Amino acid sequence: MYTADDRNIHSVDEVTDGERLTLALWFSRDSSHDEDSKLLSRLSQCTSHEVCLPLPASTNMYWFCPHQDGSNQNIGFDVCVARLHLLGFDVHSLQGEDHSTDASEQLMGPLQLAKGGKLLTRKFANILHALQVVQFYHWKASELVTSNVENDTLEEVKAMSHSQLETINALKSVFLLDENLVATTFGYSCSGEDRKDSLDLTGIALAVTSWEEYSCKLLKELLSSLPQWKTYQTIHKVESD
């Protein structure tokens, strides 16, 4: 067991290119915190044709602050909003139109994506759903066919109203406090027009179906591994004698 105290002082190498991705894990000897049974129960209720939408954690889990203790809430940004911003997209929360809704809840519910004065009318379940689709589009853009765009897809992109723009700016004022900090943290400029211009709202609309198909494929593979998981506590196939 690797303890998180002064008995295990450690460090990491400097990242000189790209970005560092960290997967944090916590271990406990208390069986009441065992997540396997909960996850197995949920997966057992899924079908291979079902689209499992991502469920975000509380918004403070995605808040980045340059101060280690995170004490200054006037400095920092929401990682999900920042990643969308770097790819050229703004977030329009449908809950933001209800001024009685707390700002911290606006990313947890239905929202839309905007860019360059245009709004994609298609609704996403939450900020993680939108981010996964956009990052999938960014990853697979060269493979997605956009030459024969149907009229229904084009009609999903509309001009933004003044009130919608105000809602977007209000959200940015809460979750994207310092764009320069975003650029510094992720290691590339927010003004990278080549990166931003290569992605558009019509492409996002087309990418949704491809993302759903890809997600269903991954879910099908995961469900096929459930017997091994239940028996051997691994999702990899184990050959038995």
Protein backbone atom coordinates (compact mmCIF):
# COMPACT_ATOMS: atom_id res chain seq x y z
CA MET A 1 0.00 0.00 0.00
CA TYR A 2 1.39 3.40 -1.03
CA THR A 3 0.65 5.87 1.75
CA ALA A 4 0.08 9.56 1.07
CA ASP A 5 2.33 10.95 3.77
CA ASP A 6 5.97 11.83 4.43
CA ARG A 7 6.95 8.14 4.33
CA ASN A 8 6.55 8.20 0.54
CA ILE A 9 8.06 11.45 -0.72
CA HIS A 10 7.86 11.48 -4.51
CA SER A 11 8.01 13.78 -7.51
CA VAL A 12 7.18 13.82 -11.22
CA ASP A 13 9.15 14.87 -14.29
CA GLU A 14 8.46 18.17 -16.01
CA VAL A 15 6.10 17.99 -19.00
CA THR A 16 7.85 19.73 -21.91
CA ASP A 17 5.32 18.83 -24.61
CA GLY A 18 1.60 18.04 -24.55
CA GLU A 19 -0.20 17.82 -21.25
CA ARG A 20 -0.12 15.62 -18.17
CA LEU A 21 -3.17 13.49 -17.40
CA THR A 22 -3.49 12.15 -13.87
CA LEU A 23 -5.81 9.43 -12.62
CA ALA A 24 -6.24 9.75 -8.87
CA LEU A 25 -7.28 6.65 -6.93
CA TRP A 26 -8.19 6.24 -3.29
CA PHE A 27 -8.05 2.92 -1.46
CA SER A 28 -9.82 1.86 1.71
CA ARG A 29 -9.98 -1.24 3.86
CA ASP A 30 -13.57 -0.34 4.74
CA SER A 31 -15.79 -2.64 2.64
CA SER A 32 -18.71 -0.20 2.91
CA HIS A 33 -16.87 1.95 0.36
CA ASP A 34 -16.56 -0.88 -2.18
CA GLU A 35 -17.75 0.53 -5.50
CA ASP A 36 -17.62 -2.74 -7.46
CA SER A 37 -21.02 -3.97 -6.33
CA LYS A 38 -22.64 -0.62 -7.16
CA LEU A 39 -21.05 -0.47 -10.59
CA LEU A 40 -21.82 -4.10 -11.37
CA SER A 41 -25.44 -3.56 -10.40
CA ARG A 42 -25.73 -0.55 -12.68
CA LEU A 43 -23.98 -2.23 -15.61
CA SER A 44 -26.15 -5.33 -15.22
CA GLN A 45 -29.17 -3.14 -15.90
CA CYS A 46 -27.69 -1.75 -19.13
CA THR A 47 -28.17 -3.13 -22.61
CA SER A 48 -25.58 -3.05 -25.37
CA HIS A 49 -27.84 -0.77 -27.45
CA GLU A 50 -28.28 1.78 -24.69
CA VAL A 51 -26.48 5.12 -24.73
CA CYS A 52 -25.07 5.75 -21.27
CA LEU A 53 -24.78 9.49 -20.77
CA PRO A 54 -21.98 10.65 -18.46
CA LEU A 55 -22.97 11.81 -15.00
CA PRO A 56 -20.90 14.73 -13.68
CA ALA A 57 -19.64 14.92 -10.13
CA SER A 58 -20.18 18.07 -8.08
CA THR A 59 -18.86 21.17 -9.83
CA ASN A 60 -16.09 21.76 -7.28
CA MET A 61 -14.47 18.53 -8.51
CA TYR A 62 -13.75 20.28 -11.83
CA TRP A 63 -12.58 23.60 -10.39
CA PHE A 64 -8.91 24.40 -10.94
CA CYS A 65 -7.23 26.99 -8.75
CA PRO A 66 -3.50 27.80 -9.01
CA HIS A 67 -3.31 27.99 -5.23
CA GLN A 68 -2.84 24.54 -3.76
CA ASP A 69 -5.38 25.05 -1.01
CA GLY A 70 -7.96 26.39 -3.49
CA SER A 71 -8.90 29.05 -0.99
CA ASN A 72 -9.33 31.89 -3.48
CA GLN A 73 -12.52 31.27 -5.45
CA ASN A 74 -11.94 34.49 -7.41
CA ILE A 75 -9.07 32.84 -9.27
CA GLY A 76 -9.38 29.73 -11.40
CA PHE A 77 -11.71 28.05 -13.86
CA ASP A 78 -13.93 25.05 -14.46
CA VAL A 79 -11.87 22.46 -16.37
CA CYS A 80 -14.80 21.31 -18.54
CA VAL A 81 -15.78 24.84 -19.58
CA ALA A 82 -12.11 25.67 -20.19
CA ARG A 83 -11.56 22.69 -22.51
CA LEU A 84 -14.63 23.62 -24.55
CA HIS A 85 -13.42 27.22 -24.68
CA LEU A 86 -10.00 26.18 -25.99
CA LEU A 87 -11.73 24.34 -28.83
CA GLY A 88 -13.74 27.45 -29.66
CA PHE A 89 -17.09 26.73 -28.01
CA ASP A 90 -19.15 28.54 -25.40
CA VAL A 91 -21.77 27.03 -23.13
CA HIS A 92 -25.40 28.15 -23.01
CA SER A 93 -27.09 26.71 -19.94
CA LEU A 94 -30.84 26.31 -20.29
CA GLN A 95 -31.02 26.51 -16.51
CA GLY A 96 -29.21 29.84 -16.70
CA GLU A 97 -32.37 31.38 -18.14
CA ASP A 98 -33.98 30.67 -14.76
CA HIS A 99 -32.37 33.29 -12.54
CA SER A 100 -33.44 31.39 -9.42
CA THR A 101 -31.08 28.52 -10.32
CA ASP A 102 -27.78 28.48 -8.47
CA ALA A 103 -24.78 29.01 -10.76
CA SER A 104 -23.11 25.82 -9.54
CA GLU A 105 -26.05 23.78 -10.87
CA GLN A 106 -26.09 25.25 -14.37
CA LEU A 107 -23.50 22.82 -15.73
CA MET A 108 -25.26 19.80 -14.24
CA GLY A 109 -28.41 20.11 -16.35
CA PRO A 110 -29.39 20.57 -20.01
CA LEU A 111 -27.29 22.97 -22.05
CA GLN A 112 -26.36 23.95 -25.59
CA LEU A 113 -23.16 24.87 -27.41
CA ALA A 114 -22.47 28.16 -29.15
CA LYS A 115 -19.79 29.58 -31.42
CA GLY A 116 -19.31 32.79 -33.36
CA GLY A 117 -22.76 34.21 -32.67
CA LYS A 118 -24.45 30.92 -33.58
CA LEU A 119 -26.21 28.44 -31.31
CA LEU A 120 -26.63 24.69 -31.78
CA THR A 121 -30.24 24.04 -30.78
CA ARG A 122 -29.53 20.40 -29.91
CA LYS A 123 -29.55 19.88 -26.16
CA PHE A 124 -26.89 18.02 -24.18
CA ALA A 125 -27.70 16.37 -20.87
CA ASN A 126 -24.91 18.14 -18.96
CA ILE A 127 -21.43 19.62 -19.35
CA LEU A 128 -19.68 16.22 -19.49
CA HIS A 129 -22.01 15.04 -22.26
CA ALA A 130 -21.21 18.14 -24.33
CA LEU A 131 -17.48 17.89 -23.63
CA GLN A 132 -17.29 14.22 -24.60
CA VAL A 133 -19.04 14.86 -27.91
CA VAL A 134 -16.82 17.85 -28.73
CA GLN A 135 -13.62 16.01 -27.86
CA PHE A 136 -14.79 13.01 -29.88
CA TYR A 137 -15.42 15.35 -32.83
CA HIS A 138 -11.98 16.89 -32.38
CA TRP A 139 -10.45 13.41 -32.34
CA LYS A 140 -12.44 11.97 -35.26
CA ALA A 141 -13.07 15.10 -37.35
CA SER A 142 -11.08 13.84 -40.34
CA GLU A 143 -13.12 10.62 -40.42
CA LEU A 144 -16.57 12.18 -40.13
CA VAL A 145 -18.31 12.82 -43.45
CA THR A 146 -19.47 16.42 -43.61
CA SER A 147 -19.76 16.91 -47.37
CA ASN A 148 -23.40 15.83 -47.57
CA VAL A 149 -24.95 17.75 -44.72
CA GLU A 150 -28.71 17.31 -44.55
CA ASN A 151 -31.02 20.31 -44.21
CA ASP A 152 -32.23 19.06 -40.82
CA THR A 153 -28.68 19.34 -39.50
CA LEU A 154 -28.18 22.83 -40.92
CA GLU A 155 -31.45 23.96 -39.35
CA GLU A 156 -30.09 23.02 -35.91
CA VAL A 157 -27.70 25.99 -36.08
CA LYS A 158 -29.43 29.31 -35.35
CA ALA A 159 -28.37 32.87 -34.69
CA MET A 160 -28.08 33.69 -30.99
CA SER A 161 -30.46 36.12 -29.36
CA HIS A 162 -29.27 38.92 -27.10
CA SER A 163 -30.63 37.16 -24.01
CA GLN A 164 -28.84 33.93 -24.95
CA LEU A 165 -25.58 35.84 -25.34
CA GLU A 166 -26.09 37.39 -21.91
CA THR A 167 -26.64 33.93 -20.40
CA ILE A 168 -23.41 32.68 -22.00
CA ASN A 169 -21.40 35.66 -20.76
CA ALA A 170 -22.85 35.30 -17.27
CA LEU A 171 -21.76 31.66 -17.21
CA LYS A 172 -18.24 32.57 -18.38
CA SER A 173 -17.97 35.19 -15.65
CA VAL A 174 -18.47 32.42 -13.09
CA PHE A 175 -16.65 29.43 -14.57
CA LEU A 176 -13.98 31.01 -16.79
CA LEU A 177 -12.48 33.76 -14.68
CA ASP A 178 -9.04 33.95 -16.28
CA GLU A 179 -8.55 32.93 -19.93
CA ASN A 180 -4.80 33.58 -19.71
CA LEU A 181 -4.59 31.13 -16.81
CA VAL A 182 -6.42 28.57 -18.96
CA ALA A 183 -3.87 29.00 -21.76
CA THR A 184 -0.94 28.78 -19.36
CA THR A 185 -2.32 25.72 -17.58
CA PHE A 186 -3.10 23.71 -20.69
CA GLY A 187 0.03 24.81 -22.49
CA TYR A 188 -1.41 26.36 -25.62
CA SER A 189 -3.00 29.65 -26.56
CA CYS A 190 -6.71 30.35 -26.40
CA SER A 191 -6.24 32.40 -29.55
CA GLY A 192 -5.23 29.42 -31.67
CA GLU A 193 -7.58 30.23 -34.53
CA ASP A 194 -6.53 27.23 -36.64
CA ARG A 195 -7.65 24.90 -33.87
CA LYS A 196 -10.89 26.75 -33.28
CA ASP A 197 -11.85 27.27 -36.92
CA SER A 198 -11.42 23.59 -37.78
CA LEU A 199 -14.45 22.72 -35.64
CA ASP A 200 -17.96 24.03 -36.23
CA LEU A 201 -21.44 23.56 -34.82
CA THR A 202 -22.68 21.63 -37.85
CA GLY A 203 -19.87 19.14 -37.35
CA ILE A 204 -20.83 18.80 -33.69
CA ALA A 205 -24.41 17.97 -34.70
CA LEU A 206 -23.11 15.26 -37.03
CA ALA A 207 -20.68 13.94 -34.42
CA VAL A 208 -23.41 13.23 -31.86
CA THR A 209 -24.61 10.09 -33.65
CA SER A 210 -21.06 8.84 -34.21
CA TRP A 211 -20.25 9.44 -30.54
CA GLU A 212 -23.35 7.48 -29.49
CA GLU A 213 -22.38 4.57 -31.76
CA TYR A 214 -18.83 4.60 -30.41
CA SER A 215 -20.08 4.73 -26.80
CA CYS A 216 -22.43 1.81 -27.43
CA LYS A 217 -19.54 -0.17 -28.89
CA LEU A 218 -17.43 0.43 -25.79
CA LEU A 219 -20.36 -0.44 -23.53
CA LYS A 220 -20.93 -3.69 -25.42
CA GLU A 221 -17.27 -4.63 -24.93
CA LEU A 222 -17.48 -3.79 -21.24
CA LEU A 223 -20.68 -5.80 -20.75
CA SER A 224 -19.08 -8.81 -22.43
CA SER A 225 -16.38 -8.67 -19.74
CA LEU A 226 -18.80 -8.75 -16.80
CA PRO A 227 -18.53 -12.53 -16.24
CA GLN A 228 -14.74 -12.24 -15.92
CA TRP A 229 -15.13 -9.21 -13.67
CA LYS A 230 -17.50 -11.00 -11.31
CA THR A 231 -15.27 -14.07 -11.13
CA TYR A 232 -11.75 -12.65 -11.27
CA GLN A 233 -12.26 -8.91 -10.47
CA THR A 234 -10.79 -7.93 -13.83
CA ILE A 235 -12.28 -6.78 -17.13
CA HIS A 236 -9.64 -8.70 -19.06
CA LYS A 237 -10.28 -12.25 -20.17
CA VAL A 238 -8.66 -14.78 -17.88
CA GLU A 239 -7.86 -18.23 -19.20
CA SER A 240 -8.76 -20.90 -16.66
CA ASP A 241 -7.23 -24.38 -16.56
